[in-house]
C-alpha atoms as a PDB file:
ATOM      1  CA  UNK A   1      18.582  -1.761 -19.870  1.00  0.00           C
ATOM      2  CA  UNK A   2      17.777  -4.629 -18.418  1.00  0.00           C
ATOM      3  CA  UNK A   3      15.485  -5.399 -15.375  1.00  0.00           C
ATOM      4  CA  UNK A   4      17.072  -8.043 -12.490  1.00  0.00           C
ATOM      5  CA  UNK A   5      13.886  -9.876 -11.515  1.00  0.00           C
ATOM      6  CA  UNK A   6      13.168 -11.828  -7.807  1.00  0.00           C
ATOM      7  CA  UNK A   7      11.701 -14.929  -8.389  1.00  0.00           C
ATOM      8  CA  UNK A   8       8.593 -15.114  -5.291  1.00  0.00           C
ATOM      9  CA  UNK A   9       6.175 -18.191  -5.369  1.00  0.00           C
ATOM     10  CA  UNK A  10       2.472 -18.309  -5.414  1.00  0.00           C
ATOM     11  CA  UNK A  11      -0.583 -20.186  -5.624  1.00  0.00           C
ATOM     12  CA  UNK A  12      -3.089 -19.128  -7.884  1.00  0.00           C
ATOM     13  CA  UNK A  13      -6.610 -21.201  -8.295  1.00  0.00           C
ATOM     14  CA  UNK A  14      -7.099 -24.404 -10.801  1.00  0.00           C
ATOM     15  CA  UNK A  15      -9.339 -21.954 -12.908  1.00  0.00           C
ATOM     16  CA  UNK A  16      -7.095 -18.831 -12.274  1.00  0.00           C
ATOM     17  CA  UNK A  17      -4.245 -20.250 -13.201  1.00  0.00           C
ATOM     18  CA  UNK A  18      -5.700 -21.443 -17.048  1.00  0.00           C
ATOM     19  CA  UNK A  19      -7.181 -17.942 -16.838  1.00  0.00           C
ATOM     20  CA  UNK A  20      -4.218 -16.866 -16.301  1.00  0.00           C
ATOM     21  CA  UNK A  21      -2.244 -19.054 -19.011  1.00  0.00           C
ATOM     22  CA  UNK A  22      -4.825 -18.795 -21.913  1.00  0.00           C
ATOM     23  CA  UNK A  23      -4.311 -14.991 -21.791  1.00  0.00           C
ATOM     24  CA  UNK A  24      -0.765 -14.931 -22.081  1.00  0.00           C
ATOM     25  CA  UNK A  25      -0.724 -17.329 -24.654  1.00  0.00           C
ATOM     26  CA  UNK A  26      -2.521 -14.833 -27.178  1.00  0.00           C
ATOM     27  CA  UNK A  27      -0.421 -12.563 -26.111  1.00  0.00           C
ATOM     28  CA  UNK A  28       2.410 -14.219 -26.557  1.00  0.00           C
ATOM     29  CA  UNK A  29       4.136 -13.711 -23.326  1.00  0.00           C
ATOM     30  CA  UNK A  30       5.025 -15.077 -20.427  1.00  0.00           C
ATOM     31  CA  UNK A  31       3.339 -16.784 -18.006  1.00  0.00           C
ATOM     32  CA  UNK A  32       5.774 -14.866 -15.778  1.00  0.00           C
ATOM     33  CA  UNK A  33       5.062 -11.666 -17.627  1.00  0.00           C
ATOM     34  CA  UNK A  34       1.176 -11.888 -17.522  1.00  0.00           C
ATOM     35  CA  UNK A  35       1.610 -11.830 -13.941  1.00  0.00           C
ATOM     36  CA  UNK A  36       3.719  -9.111 -13.460  1.00  0.00           C
ATOM     37  CA  UNK A  37       1.704  -7.221 -16.168  1.00  0.00           C
ATOM     38  CA  UNK A  38      -1.249  -8.182 -14.250  1.00  0.00           C
ATOM     39  CA  UNK A  39       0.430  -6.779 -11.102  1.00  0.00           C
ATOM     40  CA  UNK A  40       1.893  -3.490 -12.083  1.00  0.00           C
ATOM     41  CA  UNK A  41      -2.157  -2.833 -13.304  1.00  0.00           C
ATOM     42  CA  UNK A  42      -4.299  -3.692  -9.991  1.00  0.00           C
ATOM     43  CA  UNK A  43      -1.306  -2.802  -8.018  1.00  0.00           C
ATOM     44  CA  UNK A  44      -1.666   0.918  -8.075  1.00  0.00           C
ATOM     45  CA  UNK A  45      -5.862   0.560  -8.311  1.00  0.00           C
ATOM     46  CA  UNK A  46      -5.364  -1.589  -4.987  1.00  0.00           C
ATOM     47  CA  UNK A  47      -3.177   1.522  -3.444  1.00  0.00           C
ATOM     48  CA  UNK A  48      -5.838   4.063  -4.168  1.00  0.00           C
ATOM     49  CA  UNK A  49      -8.851   1.173  -2.836  1.00  0.00           C
ATOM     50  CA  UNK A  50      -9.630   1.443  -6.608  1.00  0.00           C
ATOM     51  CA  UNK A  51     -11.984  -1.528  -6.891  1.00  0.00           C
ATOM     52  CA  UNK A  52     -12.736  -2.569 -11.055  1.00  0.00           C
ATOM     53  CA  UNK A  53     -15.647  -4.483 -12.069  1.00  0.00           C
ATOM     54  CA  UNK A  54     -14.837  -5.178 -15.427  1.00  0.00           C
ATOM     55  CA  UNK A  55     -17.756  -5.639 -17.511  1.00  0.00           C
ATOM     56  CA  UNK A  56     -19.059  -2.132 -16.317  1.00  0.00           C
ATOM     57  CA  UNK A  57     -16.097  -0.498 -17.056  1.00  0.00           C
ATOM     58  CA  UNK A  58     -15.994  -1.480 -20.587  1.00  0.00           C
ATOM     59  CA  UNK A  59     -19.582  -0.598 -21.300  1.00  0.00           C
ATOM     60  CA  UNK A  60     -19.498   2.629 -20.007  1.00  0.00           C
ATOM     61  CA  UNK A  61     -15.636   2.992 -21.670  1.00  0.00           C
ATOM     62  CA  UNK A  62     -17.532   1.321 -25.138  1.00  0.00           C
ATOM     63  CA  UNK A  63     -21.068   3.676 -24.550  1.00  0.00           C
ATOM     64  CA  UNK A  64     -18.919   6.775 -24.414  1.00  0.00           C
ATOM     65  CA  UNK A  65     -16.715   5.776 -28.038  1.00  0.00           C
ATOM     66  CA  UNK A  66     -19.933   5.089 -29.985  1.00  0.00           C
ATOM     67  CA  UNK A  67     -21.866   8.207 -28.483  1.00  0.00           C
ATOM     68  CA  UNK A  68     -18.776  10.636 -29.492  1.00  0.00           C
ATOM     69  CA  UNK A  69     -19.357   9.122 -33.106  1.00  0.00           C
ATOM     70  CA  UNK A  70     -22.328   9.128 -33.587  1.00  0.00           C
ATOM     71  CA  UNK A  71     -22.123  12.702 -32.668  1.00  0.00           C
ATOM     72  CA  UNK A  72     -19.151  12.861 -34.596  1.00  0.00           C
ATOM     73  CA  UNK A  73     -20.319  11.352 -37.817  1.00  0.00           C
ATOM     74  CA  UNK A  74     -23.496  13.461 -37.646  1.00  0.00           C
ATOM     75  CA  UNK A  75     -21.684  17.217 -36.734  1.00  0.00           C
ATOM     76  CA  UNK A  76     -18.563  17.348 -38.011  1.00  0.00           C
ATOM     77  CA  UNK A  77     -18.416  13.562 -40.806  1.00  0.00           C
ATOM     78  CA  UNK A  78     -15.599  14.951 -42.761  1.00  0.00           C
ATOM     79  CA  UNK A  79     -13.739  14.532 -39.817  1.00  0.00           C
ATOM     80  CA  UNK A  80     -14.825  11.262 -39.227  1.00  0.00           C
ATOM     81  CA  UNK A  81     -12.446   9.450 -40.853  1.00  0.00           C
ATOM     82  CA  UNK A  82      -8.845  11.498 -40.213  1.00  0.00           C
ATOM     83  CA  UNK A  83     -10.220  11.182 -36.057  1.00  0.00           C
ATOM     84  CA  UNK A  84      -9.809   7.888 -36.202  1.00  0.00           C
ATOM     85  CA  UNK A  85      -6.143   6.852 -38.154  1.00  0.00           C
ATOM     86  CA  UNK A  86      -5.529   8.592 -35.453  1.00  0.00           C
ATOM     87  CA  UNK A  87      -6.780   7.621 -32.475  1.00  0.00           C
ATOM     88  CA  UNK A  88      -5.329   3.790 -34.517  1.00  0.00           C
ATOM     89  CA  UNK A  89      -1.690   6.550 -34.835  1.00  0.00           C
ATOM     90  CA  UNK A  90      -2.608   6.636 -31.321  1.00  0.00           C
ATOM     91  CA  UNK A  91      -2.972   2.862 -30.337  1.00  0.00           C
ATOM     92  CA  UNK A  92      -0.098   1.916 -31.856  1.00  0.00           C
ATOM     93  CA  UNK A  93       2.508   4.084 -29.983  1.00  0.00           C
ATOM     94  CA  UNK A  94       1.147   4.465 -27.792  1.00  0.00           C
ATOM     95  CA  UNK A  95      -0.474   1.075 -25.658  1.00  0.00           C
ATOM     96  CA  UNK A  96       1.103  -1.408 -27.842  1.00  0.00           C
END
């Protein structure tokens, strides 16, 4: 199934455009695809009135992950490696 896109014009500050191009290049996608991905992620959040502090969110995620990993490694060491494999598999299957 092919998707039809309608072109629009939009301007960005030079530093934002540089960051966008850097991201697109690193991901191996076009500038347009990077913009579409950003809008697809950001617009639903804007509609909900959610303002995300990226650094805070990543810090919370990392802290939670480290705390949980420590608990599993100490209380269920025999399951630790399998949980890591399952997590990596889920990332590939659901977030690639």
